C-alpha atoms as a PDB file:
ATOM      1  CA  MET A   1       0.000   0.000   0.000  1.00  0.00           C
ATOM      2  CA  HIS A   2       1.245   3.469  -0.845  1.00  0.00           C
ATOM      3  CA  ILE A   3       0.214   6.461   1.201  1.00  0.00           C
ATOM      4  CA  ALA A   4       0.529  10.072   0.212  1.00  0.00           C
ATOM      5  CA  THR A   5       0.208  12.873   2.719  1.00  0.00           C
ATOM      6  CA  VAL A   6      -0.083  16.557   2.097  1.00  0.00           C
ATOM      7  CA  ASP A   7       1.440  18.843   4.684  1.00  0.00           C
ATOM      8  CA  LEU A   8      -0.307  22.110   3.913  1.00  0.00           C
ATOM      9  CA  ASP A   9       0.726  23.793   7.154  1.00  0.00           C
ATOM     10  CA  ASP A  10       4.300  22.414   7.161  1.00  0.00           C
ATOM     11  CA  THR A  11       3.944  20.727  10.574  1.00  0.00           C
ATOM     12  CA  LEU A  12       5.388  17.430   9.347  1.00  0.00           C
ATOM     13  CA  ILE A  13       8.223  19.082   7.488  1.00  0.00           C
ATOM     14  CA  ASN A  14       9.284  20.919  10.646  1.00  0.00           C
ATOM     15  CA  THR A  15       9.279  17.780  12.798  1.00  0.00           C
ATOM     16  CA  GLN A  16      10.718  15.189  10.393  1.00  0.00           C
ATOM     17  CA  MET A  17      14.206  15.787  11.778  1.00  0.00           C
ATOM     18  CA  TYR A  18      13.074  14.475  15.175  1.00  0.00           C
ATOM     19  CA  TYR A  19      11.976  11.168  13.654  1.00  0.00           C
ATOM     20  CA  VAL A  20      15.255  10.869  11.766  1.00  0.00           C
ATOM     21  CA  ASP A  21      17.267  11.732  14.896  1.00  0.00           C
ATOM     22  CA  ALA A  22      15.345   9.188  16.997  1.00  0.00           C
ATOM     23  CA  THR A  23      15.926   6.470  14.421  1.00  0.00           C
ATOM     24  CA  ASP A  24      19.614   7.320  14.110  1.00  0.00           C
ATOM     25  CA  SER A  25      20.036   7.252  17.913  1.00  0.00           C
ATOM     26  CA  TYR A  26      18.256   3.909  18.159  1.00  0.00           C
ATOM     27  CA  VAL A  27      20.375   2.378  15.385  1.00  0.00           C
ATOM     28  CA  GLU A  28      23.538   3.649  17.059  1.00  0.00           C
ATOM     29  CA  TYR A  29      22.440   2.276  20.459  1.00  0.00           C
ATOM     30  CA  MET A  30      21.663  -1.192  19.077  1.00  0.00           C
ATOM     31  CA  ASN A  31      25.009  -1.217  17.281  1.00  0.00           C
ATOM     32  CA  GLU A  32      27.082  -0.095  20.255  1.00  0.00           C
ATOM     33  CA  LYS A  33      25.333  -2.143  22.940  1.00  0.00           C
ATOM     34  CA  PHE A  34      24.571  -5.352  21.035  1.00  0.00           C
ATOM     35  CA  GLY A  35      26.762  -5.232  17.923  1.00  0.00           C
ATOM     36  CA  PHE A  36      23.960  -5.256  15.358  1.00  0.00           C
ATOM     37  CA  GLU A  37      24.898  -3.924  11.938  1.00  0.00           C
ATOM     38  CA  LYS A  38      23.512  -0.405  11.553  1.00  0.00           C
ATOM     39  CA  ASN A  39      22.072  -0.944   8.083  1.00  0.00           C
ATOM     40  CA  SER A  40      20.269  -4.096   9.212  1.00  0.00           C
ATOM     41  CA  VAL A  41      18.691  -2.356  12.192  1.00  0.00           C
ATOM     42  CA  GLU A  42      17.625   0.601  10.070  1.00  0.00           C
ATOM     43  CA  GLN A  43      16.110  -1.678   7.417  1.00  0.00           C
ATOM     44  CA  LEU A  44      14.259  -3.777  10.001  1.00  0.00           C
ATOM     45  CA  ILE A  45      12.702  -0.795  11.743  1.00  0.00           C
ATOM     46  CA  LYS A  46      11.600   0.561   8.358  1.00  0.00           C
ATOM     47  CA  GLU A  47      10.036  -2.779   7.386  1.00  0.00           C
ATOM     48  CA  ILE A  48       8.206  -3.076  10.710  1.00  0.00           C
ATOM     49  CA  ASP A  49       7.046   0.540  10.548  1.00  0.00           C
ATOM     50  CA  ASP A  50       5.765   0.044   6.988  1.00  0.00           C
ATOM     51  CA  THR A  51       3.844  -3.035   8.116  1.00  0.00           C
ATOM     52  CA  LEU A  52       2.269  -1.142  11.018  1.00  0.00           C
ATOM     53  CA  VAL A  53       0.804   1.431   8.639  1.00  0.00           C
ATOM     54  CA  ASP A  54      -1.861  -1.159   7.776  1.00  0.00           C
ATOM     55  CA  SER A  55      -3.080  -1.472  11.361  1.00  0.00           C
ATOM     56  CA  LEU A  56      -2.108   1.851  12.968  1.00  0.00           C
ATOM     57  CA  GLY A  57      -2.115   4.240  10.016  1.00  0.00           C
ATOM     58  CA  LEU A  58      -0.448   7.545  10.791  1.00  0.00           C
ATOM     59  CA  SER A  59      -1.285   7.403  14.494  1.00  0.00           C
ATOM     60  CA  GLU A  60       1.158   8.558  17.157  1.00  0.00           C
ATOM     61  CA  GLU A  61       1.436   4.985  18.471  1.00  0.00           C
ATOM     62  CA  ARG A  62       2.982   3.648  15.270  1.00  0.00           C
ATOM     63  CA  PHE A  63       6.472   5.152  15.612  1.00  0.00           C
ATOM     64  CA  PRO A  64       7.245   3.954  19.184  1.00  0.00           C
ATOM     65  CA  THR A  65       5.580   0.601  18.464  1.00  0.00           C
ATOM     66  CA  SER A  66       7.991   0.153  15.564  1.00  0.00           C
ATOM     67  CA  PHE A  67      10.945   0.596  17.923  1.00  0.00           C
ATOM     68  CA  ALA A  68       9.529  -1.841  20.487  1.00  0.00           C
ATOM     69  CA  ARG A  69       8.816  -4.522  17.877  1.00  0.00           C
ATOM     70  CA  THR A  70      12.229  -4.072  16.300  1.00  0.00           C
ATOM     71  CA  THR A  71      13.825  -4.515  19.717  1.00  0.00           C
ATOM     72  CA  GLU A  72      11.770  -7.659  20.360  1.00  0.00           C
ATOM     73  CA  THR A  73      12.777  -9.090  16.999  1.00  0.00           C
ATOM     74  CA  LEU A  74      16.476  -8.337  17.365  1.00  0.00           C
ATOM     75  CA  LEU A  75      16.783  -9.515  20.957  1.00  0.00           C
ATOM     76  CA  GLN A  76      14.364 -12.450  20.935  1.00  0.00           C
ATOM     77  CA  ASP A  77      17.154 -15.025  21.226  1.00  0.00           C
ATOM     78  CA  ASN A  78      19.079 -13.153  23.920  1.00  0.00           C
ATOM     79  CA  ASN A  79      18.003 -14.463  27.338  1.00  0.00           C
ATOM     80  CA  ASP A  80      20.405 -12.200  29.221  1.00  0.00           C
ATOM     81  CA  VAL A  81      18.554  -9.011  28.241  1.00  0.00           C
ATOM     82  CA  ASP A  82      15.924  -7.167  30.233  1.00  0.00           C
ATOM     83  CA  MET A  83      13.486  -6.924  27.347  1.00  0.00           C
ATOM     84  CA  GLU A  84      11.130  -4.517  29.090  1.00  0.00           C
ATOM     85  CA  TYR A  85      14.007  -2.129  29.783  1.00  0.00           C
ATOM     86  CA  GLU A  86      15.269  -2.316  26.221  1.00  0.00           C
ATOM     87  CA  LYS A  87      11.809  -1.720  24.760  1.00  0.00           C
END
């Protein structure tokens, strides 16, 4: 599914940098703490976020849910991790 949005009042344009910064920080954290390849983490979060568009649309829950589900996916085999903390 492809979605087009129109930002007539420029609110999304002005805040896009925060989404990019949050994603970059998350990717860096997962790389430094757990050794995951940055490109793989970035691709996975994008795939999960794209999938969530079907169920959550453009809601404010979608972005943080994407991070939580990416964390669950990446760390699912690591029993030594406090999953709730990491999410």
